[in-house]
Each structure stands twice: as C-alpha cells, then as structure tokens.
N, C-alpha and C. Protein backbone atom coordinates (compact mmCIF):
# COMPACT_ATOMS: atom_id res chain seq x y z
N MET A 1 139.18 129.29 137.20
CA MET A 1 140.12 130.29 137.66
C MET A 1 140.12 130.30 139.18
N GLU A 2 141.22 130.67 139.73
CA GLU A 2 141.36 130.66 141.18
C GLU A 2 140.32 131.58 141.81
N GLY A 3 139.68 131.07 142.85
CA GLY A 3 138.69 131.85 143.58
C GLY A 3 137.28 131.74 143.04
N GLU A 4 137.09 131.11 141.88
CA GLU A 4 135.76 130.95 141.31
C GLU A 4 135.08 129.73 141.92
N ALA A 5 133.78 129.84 142.08
CA ALA A 5 133.00 128.68 142.55
C ALA A 5 132.85 127.71 141.39
N ARG A 6 133.07 126.44 141.64
CA ARG A 6 132.92 125.42 140.60
C ARG A 6 131.46 125.17 140.30
N PHE A 7 130.61 125.27 141.32
CA PHE A 7 129.19 125.00 141.12
C PHE A 7 128.37 125.84 142.08
N SER A 8 127.08 125.97 141.77
CA SER A 8 126.16 126.62 142.70
C SER A 8 124.93 125.74 142.86
N LEU A 9 124.28 125.89 144.00
CA LEU A 9 123.09 125.11 144.31
C LEU A 9 121.90 126.04 144.51
N ARG A 10 120.72 125.57 144.09
CA ARG A 10 119.48 126.30 144.33
C ARG A 10 118.47 125.34 144.94
N GLU A 11 117.76 125.83 145.93
CA GLU A 11 116.72 125.00 146.53
C GLU A 11 115.66 124.67 145.49
N ILE A 12 115.11 123.49 145.62
CA ILE A 12 113.99 123.08 144.77
C ILE A 12 112.75 123.13 145.65
N PRO A 13 111.78 123.99 145.30
CA PRO A 13 110.57 124.09 146.12
C PRO A 13 109.91 122.73 146.32
N GLY A 14 109.56 122.45 147.57
CA GLY A 14 108.89 121.20 147.89
C GLY A 14 109.82 120.02 148.11
N GLU A 15 111.12 120.20 147.90
CA GLU A 15 112.10 119.12 148.09
C GLU A 15 112.96 119.46 149.31
N THR A 16 113.15 118.51 150.19
CA THR A 16 113.99 118.70 151.36
C THR A 16 115.33 118.01 151.13
N GLY A 17 116.40 118.79 151.24
CA GLY A 17 117.73 118.21 151.10
C GLY A 17 118.14 117.92 149.67
N VAL A 18 117.36 118.39 148.68
CA VAL A 18 117.69 118.18 147.26
C VAL A 18 117.78 119.55 146.60
N PHE A 19 118.81 119.73 145.77
CA PHE A 19 119.08 121.02 145.16
C PHE A 19 119.34 120.88 143.67
N ALA A 20 119.02 121.94 142.94
CA ALA A 20 119.40 122.03 141.52
C ALA A 20 120.85 122.49 141.47
N VAL A 21 121.62 121.92 140.55
CA VAL A 21 123.05 122.22 140.42
C VAL A 21 123.31 122.99 139.13
N GLU A 22 124.11 124.04 139.23
CA GLU A 22 124.65 124.72 138.06
C GLU A 22 126.16 124.48 138.11
N ASP A 23 126.65 123.71 137.18
CA ASP A 23 128.06 123.32 137.13
C ASP A 23 128.80 124.26 136.18
N ARG A 24 129.83 124.91 136.69
CA ARG A 24 130.63 125.86 135.89
C ARG A 24 131.99 125.23 135.61
N LEU A 25 132.10 124.64 134.44
CA LEU A 25 133.31 123.90 134.09
C LEU A 25 134.38 124.81 133.51
N ARG A 26 135.58 124.67 134.00
CA ARG A 26 136.78 125.28 133.42
C ARG A 26 137.66 124.11 132.99
N PHE A 27 138.48 124.34 132.00
CA PHE A 27 139.24 123.24 131.40
C PHE A 27 140.73 123.43 131.58
N ILE A 28 141.46 122.37 131.41
CA ILE A 28 142.92 122.41 131.44
C ILE A 28 143.39 122.69 130.02
N ALA A 29 144.30 123.62 129.89
CA ALA A 29 144.82 123.98 128.56
C ALA A 29 145.55 122.78 127.95
N PRO A 30 145.42 122.60 126.65
CA PRO A 30 146.08 121.45 126.00
C PRO A 30 147.59 121.63 125.92
N GLU A 31 148.27 120.50 125.91
CA GLU A 31 149.71 120.46 125.66
C GLU A 31 150.51 121.39 126.58
N ALA A 32 150.12 121.44 127.85
CA ALA A 32 150.82 122.26 128.86
C ALA A 32 150.91 123.73 128.49
N ARG A 33 149.95 124.21 127.75
CA ARG A 33 149.93 125.64 127.40
C ARG A 33 149.26 126.41 128.53
N GLN A 34 149.35 127.71 128.47
CA GLN A 34 148.73 128.59 129.45
C GLN A 34 147.54 129.31 128.82
N PHE A 35 146.59 129.68 129.65
CA PHE A 35 145.48 130.52 129.19
C PHE A 35 145.90 131.97 129.24
N ASP A 36 145.44 132.76 128.28
CA ASP A 36 145.56 134.21 128.35
C ASP A 36 144.33 134.66 129.12
N PRO A 37 144.45 134.99 130.42
CA PRO A 37 143.28 135.25 131.24
C PRO A 37 142.37 136.36 130.71
N ALA A 38 142.96 137.40 130.19
CA ALA A 38 142.16 138.52 129.71
C ALA A 38 141.33 138.15 128.48
N ARG A 39 141.85 137.32 127.63
CA ARG A 39 141.16 137.00 126.38
C ARG A 39 140.34 135.72 126.45
N SER A 40 140.74 134.75 127.26
CA SER A 40 140.07 133.45 127.24
C SER A 40 138.96 133.31 128.29
N ARG A 41 138.96 134.15 129.27
CA ARG A 41 138.06 134.00 130.41
C ARG A 41 136.59 133.85 130.00
N GLY A 42 136.12 134.67 129.11
CA GLY A 42 134.71 134.65 128.74
C GLY A 42 134.27 133.46 127.90
N THR A 43 135.18 132.83 127.19
CA THR A 43 134.79 131.73 126.29
C THR A 43 135.24 130.36 126.75
N CYS A 44 136.12 130.28 127.73
CA CYS A 44 136.68 128.99 128.14
C CYS A 44 136.03 128.44 129.41
N GLN A 45 134.76 128.72 129.56
CA GLN A 45 133.97 128.14 130.63
C GLN A 45 132.67 127.66 130.02
N ASP A 46 132.20 126.52 130.47
CA ASP A 46 130.92 125.99 130.01
C ASP A 46 130.06 125.78 131.25
N VAL A 47 128.83 126.24 131.19
CA VAL A 47 127.92 126.11 132.32
C VAL A 47 126.84 125.11 131.95
N ARG A 48 126.67 124.10 132.79
CA ARG A 48 125.67 123.07 132.55
C ARG A 48 124.78 122.91 133.77
N SER A 49 123.50 122.76 133.52
CA SER A 49 122.56 122.46 134.60
C SER A 49 121.83 121.15 134.34
N ALA A 50 122.14 120.51 133.20
CA ALA A 50 121.55 119.22 132.85
C ALA A 50 122.55 118.42 132.04
N VAL A 51 122.41 117.10 132.11
CA VAL A 51 123.21 116.18 131.30
C VAL A 51 122.25 115.15 130.73
N GLU A 52 122.38 114.93 129.43
CA GLU A 52 121.53 113.96 128.73
C GLU A 52 120.05 114.23 128.98
N GLY A 53 119.69 115.53 129.01
CA GLY A 53 118.29 115.92 129.16
C GLY A 53 117.73 115.82 130.57
N ARG A 54 118.57 115.49 131.54
CA ARG A 54 118.11 115.35 132.92
C ARG A 54 118.85 116.36 133.80
N PRO A 55 118.12 117.13 134.62
CA PRO A 55 118.77 118.15 135.46
C PRO A 55 119.81 117.55 136.41
N LEU A 56 120.86 118.31 136.64
CA LEU A 56 121.86 117.94 137.64
C LEU A 56 121.28 118.24 139.02
N ARG A 57 121.51 117.35 139.95
CA ARG A 57 120.97 117.48 141.30
C ARG A 57 122.07 117.25 142.33
N ALA A 58 121.82 117.76 143.53
CA ALA A 58 122.67 117.51 144.68
C ALA A 58 121.74 117.12 145.82
N SER A 59 122.25 116.27 146.72
CA SER A 59 121.46 115.91 147.89
C SER A 59 122.34 115.97 149.13
N PHE A 60 121.74 116.44 150.21
CA PHE A 60 122.46 116.57 151.48
C PHE A 60 121.77 115.68 152.50
N ASP A 61 122.53 114.78 153.13
CA ASP A 61 121.96 113.84 154.09
C ASP A 61 122.22 114.24 155.55
N GLY A 62 122.70 115.44 155.76
CA GLY A 62 123.02 115.90 157.11
C GLY A 62 124.50 115.94 157.39
N THR A 63 125.27 115.11 156.71
CA THR A 63 126.73 115.11 156.87
C THR A 63 127.47 115.18 155.55
N ARG A 64 126.87 114.62 154.50
CA ARG A 64 127.54 114.60 153.20
C ARG A 64 126.67 115.22 152.12
N LEU A 65 127.34 115.88 151.20
CA LEU A 65 126.68 116.47 150.05
C LEU A 65 127.10 115.68 148.82
N SER A 66 126.16 115.05 148.14
CA SER A 66 126.45 114.33 146.89
C SER A 66 126.01 115.24 145.75
N VAL A 67 126.95 115.54 144.87
CA VAL A 67 126.70 116.49 143.78
C VAL A 67 126.93 115.82 142.44
N GLU A 68 125.97 115.98 141.54
CA GLU A 68 126.13 115.51 140.17
C GLU A 68 126.79 116.62 139.36
N PHE A 69 127.89 116.28 138.70
CA PHE A 69 128.62 117.22 137.85
C PHE A 69 128.56 116.75 136.40
N ALA A 70 128.85 117.66 135.50
CA ALA A 70 128.98 117.32 134.08
C ALA A 70 130.45 117.08 133.79
N LYS A 71 130.74 116.03 133.05
CA LYS A 71 132.12 115.76 132.60
C LYS A 71 132.15 115.94 131.09
N ILE A 72 133.03 116.82 130.64
CA ILE A 72 133.17 117.13 129.22
C ILE A 72 134.63 116.98 128.86
N GLU A 73 134.88 116.38 127.71
CA GLU A 73 136.27 116.19 127.27
C GLU A 73 136.52 116.93 125.96
N PRO A 74 136.98 118.19 126.05
CA PRO A 74 137.28 118.93 124.82
C PRO A 74 138.54 118.38 124.14
N SER A 75 138.61 118.61 122.85
CA SER A 75 139.81 118.23 122.10
C SER A 75 140.62 119.49 121.78
N ALA A 76 141.77 119.31 121.21
CA ALA A 76 142.63 120.45 120.87
C ALA A 76 141.91 121.44 119.95
N SER A 77 140.97 120.96 119.15
CA SER A 77 140.27 121.84 118.22
C SER A 77 139.31 122.79 118.92
N ASN A 78 139.04 122.56 120.20
CA ASN A 78 138.17 123.46 120.96
C ASN A 78 138.93 124.66 121.53
N PHE A 79 140.24 124.66 121.39
CA PHE A 79 141.07 125.74 121.93
C PHE A 79 141.71 126.53 120.81
N VAL A 80 141.57 127.86 120.86
CA VAL A 80 142.21 128.74 119.88
C VAL A 80 143.51 129.23 120.51
N ILE A 81 144.62 128.94 119.83
CA ILE A 81 145.94 129.22 120.38
C ILE A 81 146.65 130.26 119.51
N GLU A 82 147.21 131.25 120.19
CA GLU A 82 148.04 132.26 119.54
C GLU A 82 149.30 132.43 120.38
N ARG A 83 150.44 132.33 119.73
CA ARG A 83 151.73 132.50 120.41
C ARG A 83 151.81 131.64 121.67
N SER A 84 151.44 130.41 121.57
CA SER A 84 151.51 129.39 122.63
C SER A 84 150.56 129.62 123.81
N LYS A 85 149.62 130.56 123.68
CA LYS A 85 148.63 130.77 124.73
C LYS A 85 147.23 130.53 124.18
N VAL A 86 146.37 129.97 125.04
CA VAL A 86 144.97 129.79 124.67
C VAL A 86 144.29 131.15 124.83
N VAL A 87 143.74 131.66 123.71
CA VAL A 87 143.10 132.97 123.74
C VAL A 87 141.57 132.88 123.73
N SER A 88 141.04 131.73 123.34
CA SER A 88 139.59 131.52 123.41
C SER A 88 139.28 130.04 123.22
N CYS A 89 138.02 129.71 123.48
CA CYS A 89 137.55 128.34 123.30
C CYS A 89 136.31 128.38 122.41
N VAL A 90 136.13 127.33 121.62
CA VAL A 90 135.00 127.27 120.70
C VAL A 90 134.31 125.90 120.80
N GLY A 91 133.01 125.92 120.63
CA GLY A 91 132.26 124.67 120.53
C GLY A 91 132.08 123.88 121.81
N LEU A 92 132.35 124.46 122.96
CA LEU A 92 132.23 123.71 124.21
C LEU A 92 130.79 123.29 124.49
N SER A 93 129.84 124.18 124.22
CA SER A 93 128.45 123.86 124.53
C SER A 93 127.88 122.74 123.66
N ALA A 94 128.53 122.46 122.55
CA ALA A 94 128.06 121.38 121.67
C ALA A 94 128.62 120.02 122.05
N LEU A 95 129.58 119.99 122.96
CA LEU A 95 130.20 118.72 123.34
C LEU A 95 129.26 117.90 124.22
N PRO A 96 129.25 116.59 124.03
CA PRO A 96 128.42 115.74 124.90
C PRO A 96 129.02 115.69 126.30
N ALA A 97 128.15 115.49 127.27
CA ALA A 97 128.59 115.41 128.66
C ALA A 97 128.10 114.11 129.28
N THR A 98 128.85 113.64 130.25
CA THR A 98 128.41 112.51 131.05
C THR A 98 128.25 113.01 132.49
N ARG A 99 127.47 112.28 133.25
CA ARG A 99 127.18 112.64 134.63
C ARG A 99 128.20 111.95 135.55
N VAL A 100 128.76 112.72 136.48
CA VAL A 100 129.72 112.22 137.46
C VAL A 100 129.25 112.68 138.84
N VAL A 101 129.27 111.80 139.82
CA VAL A 101 128.83 112.15 141.16
C VAL A 101 130.03 112.24 142.09
N SER A 102 130.09 113.34 142.83
CA SER A 102 131.13 113.52 143.85
C SER A 102 130.45 113.69 145.20
N THR A 103 131.03 113.09 146.23
CA THR A 103 130.50 113.23 147.58
C THR A 103 131.46 114.06 148.39
N LEU A 104 130.94 115.13 148.96
CA LEU A 104 131.74 116.07 149.73
C LEU A 104 131.33 115.98 151.20
N SER A 105 132.30 116.05 152.10
CA SER A 105 131.99 116.03 153.52
C SER A 105 132.90 117.00 154.25
N ARG A 106 132.46 117.42 155.41
CA ARG A 106 133.28 118.31 156.23
C ARG A 106 134.29 117.49 156.99
N MET A 107 135.45 118.06 157.17
CA MET A 107 136.50 117.38 157.93
C MET A 107 136.35 117.69 159.39
C-alpha cells in the first residue's frame, strides 16, 4: 500500500554493515482487479525474514545497500474475490519463496 515500508532492517550484534531483513510483501491483484483496502489489508501481506531456511540479510558497503528479498508468486486461488474486488488473501505463508537481491544506492 502507498506509504508502507517494503522492508525493515535490524542491526545484527557483532556484525558491521550487515543487517537482518524483514521483507513485507504486497501483491498485485490478479486479472487487473482492485483490492478492497478495508477488507484485504490484513490478509494480503506476507512477512518473511528467511527464505529456504536461511535468514534474509542486507549489507552496506558505504555507498550501496544490497538487500535480499523474498520472491513469492501467488496464483489466482490465493485471492478471494467478491464483486470484482479482492477482499482477502489465503495461503500466502505456505507458498515457497526464492531469494532475490536488489542493490540500492543514493543518487
């Protein structure tokens, strides 16, 4: 949702420039449908801090931040639709995830 942080970082004690990542995934509604914000907000987000049993990490080298994210691909069956709007999501936490790395830098 607009204005929400996609991820958060936490310092790891004893590690310099390495952080634990909490990835807050929001999804695109299927078939060009819209989300019902009041009803879908609580169930249509998945939060991951690990992928394939390994924690997500971020590292900062002084100029760039490399962040590991979770990539999840829900199917139409994960979205509950009423009157052409997505009103909730189901089964997101059971979906397998893959690790994707993004590098962010300041302009």
